[in-house]
Amino acid sequence: MTIYEKPKVDEVTLRGASEQTYPFNVYPWGTSFKPLGAVYTVLRLEGSKYTILYIGQTNNLSERFDNHHRKVCFDRNGKTHIGIHQEASEKQRFYKETDMVRNYSPTCNK
C-alpha cells in the first residue's frame, strides 16, 4: 500500500537504546501521507548525512504535522525530511519511540 503522494528519496536505519534497529523510509518535508499509524523522525539533511531532530509516533500520519506542537523547533533547526516507520500497533509505536529517543536524545524531543 502506498502511504505517500511522492516516492521515498532515501532509507535510514535507526537504533534504539535496546540495540534493536528500525528501518525508515525518508521523504521530503511537506509530503502528504495516508491516515496510517507510524513512528516518525524529523530530519535535517547535511551533505549526505541526516541529523535526527525529533522522534515521535502517531496513529494518523495524514494530520500529524499540520500543527505539530514542536513545529517551531523543527523550523529553527532546519528540518528537510521526514522518516516513516509504519506501525499499526499503538503499544509498539510507543515502545519504539521511547527506545529510539533514549538512544538519540533528539534536540526537539527535549
Protein backbone atom coordinates (compact mmCIF):
# COMPACT_ATOMS: atom_id res chain seq x y z
CA MET A 1 0.00 0.00 0.00
CA THR A 2 1.30 3.44 -0.88
CA ILE A 3 1.35 5.74 2.14
CA TYR A 4 2.52 8.93 0.45
CA GLU A 5 2.00 11.21 -2.53
CA LYS A 6 5.66 11.20 -3.60
CA PRO A 7 8.18 8.35 -3.75
CA LYS A 8 10.65 7.97 -0.92
CA VAL A 9 14.01 9.58 -1.50
CA ASP A 10 16.10 7.50 0.88
CA GLU A 11 16.13 4.85 3.60
CA VAL A 12 17.75 5.07 7.02
CA THR A 13 18.03 2.63 9.89
CA LEU A 14 17.78 3.96 13.42
CA ARG A 15 18.84 2.08 16.52
CA GLY A 16 17.15 2.03 19.89
CA ALA A 17 18.80 2.00 23.31
CA SER A 18 17.87 -1.70 23.28
CA GLU A 19 20.16 -2.15 20.22
CA GLN A 20 17.13 -3.09 18.11
CA THR A 21 17.16 -1.49 14.65
CA TYR A 22 14.24 0.19 12.89
CA PRO A 23 14.08 0.90 9.13
CA PHE A 24 12.63 4.24 8.00
CA ASN A 25 11.62 5.40 4.54
CA VAL A 26 12.64 9.04 4.06
CA TYR A 27 10.51 11.64 2.26
CA PRO A 28 10.88 15.37 1.64
CA TRP A 29 9.31 17.60 4.30
CA GLY A 30 5.78 18.51 3.22
CA THR A 31 4.91 15.09 1.77
CA SER A 32 1.25 14.18 2.38
CA PHE A 33 0.57 10.77 3.89
CA LYS A 34 -2.41 8.47 4.22
CA PRO A 35 -4.02 8.11 7.68
CA LEU A 36 -1.83 5.28 8.95
CA GLY A 37 -0.08 4.62 12.25
CA ALA A 38 3.68 5.09 12.34
CA VAL A 39 6.76 6.10 14.23
CA TYR A 40 8.35 9.10 12.51
CA THR A 41 11.54 11.08 12.70
CA VAL A 42 12.05 14.69 11.65
CA LEU A 43 15.40 15.02 9.90
CA ARG A 44 17.81 17.65 8.59
CA LEU A 45 19.94 16.64 5.62
CA GLU A 46 23.51 17.92 5.88
CA GLY A 47 25.59 16.89 2.88
CA SER A 48 24.94 13.17 2.72
CA LYS A 49 24.06 12.66 6.42
CA TYR A 50 20.84 13.17 8.36
CA THR A 51 20.61 14.78 11.77
CA ILE A 52 17.71 13.50 13.88
CA LEU A 53 15.73 16.45 15.22
CA TYR A 54 12.71 14.63 16.66
CA ILE A 55 11.25 11.14 17.07
CA GLY A 56 7.53 10.71 17.62
CA GLN A 57 4.59 8.46 16.91
CA THR A 58 1.07 8.93 15.59
CA ASN A 59 -1.99 6.90 14.69
CA ASN A 60 -2.69 9.22 11.73
CA LEU A 61 0.17 10.38 9.50
CA SER A 62 -2.22 12.46 7.39
CA GLU A 63 -2.76 15.14 10.05
CA ARG A 64 0.12 14.93 12.49
CA PHE A 65 2.35 17.63 11.02
CA ASP A 66 -0.09 20.43 10.14
CA ASN A 67 0.07 21.98 13.60
CA HIS A 68 2.73 19.93 15.39
CA HIS A 69 3.46 21.12 18.93
CA ARG A 70 7.23 21.16 18.17
CA LYS A 71 6.96 22.94 14.78
CA VAL A 72 8.93 25.98 15.99
CA CYS A 73 11.83 23.70 16.98
CA PHE A 74 11.68 21.90 13.62
CA ASP A 75 11.79 25.23 11.77
CA ARG A 76 14.56 26.66 13.95
CA ASN A 77 16.70 23.56 13.35
CA GLY A 78 16.18 23.46 9.57
CA LYS A 79 14.04 20.36 9.06
CA THR A 80 14.27 18.99 5.49
CA HIS A 81 12.90 15.43 5.59
CA ILE A 82 10.68 13.04 7.50
CA GLY A 83 11.36 9.37 8.09
CA ILE A 84 8.45 6.93 8.40
CA HIS A 85 8.43 3.53 10.11
CA GLN A 86 4.91 2.20 9.61
CA GLU A 87 3.49 0.52 12.74
CA ALA A 88 -0.22 -0.16 13.32
CA SER A 89 0.10 -1.20 17.00
CA GLU A 90 -0.11 1.74 19.41
CA LYS A 91 1.76 -0.26 22.06
CA GLN A 92 4.60 -1.00 19.62
CA ARG A 93 4.73 2.63 18.42
CA PHE A 94 5.19 3.90 21.98
CA TYR A 95 7.83 1.26 22.70
CA LYS A 96 9.82 2.01 19.53
CA GLU A 97 9.55 5.79 20.01
CA THR A 98 10.82 5.55 23.60
CA ASP A 99 13.60 3.13 22.63
CA MET A 100 14.96 5.47 19.93
CA VAL A 101 14.52 8.69 21.95
CA ARG A 102 16.56 7.11 24.75
CA ASN A 103 19.34 6.31 22.28
CA TYR A 104 19.47 9.59 20.32
CA SER A 105 18.01 12.21 22.69
CA PRO A 106 16.99 14.45 19.75
CA THR A 107 17.10 18.24 20.14
CA CYS A 108 13.35 18.75 19.61
CA ASN A 109 12.33 15.94 21.99
CA LYS A 110 13.81 17.85 24.95
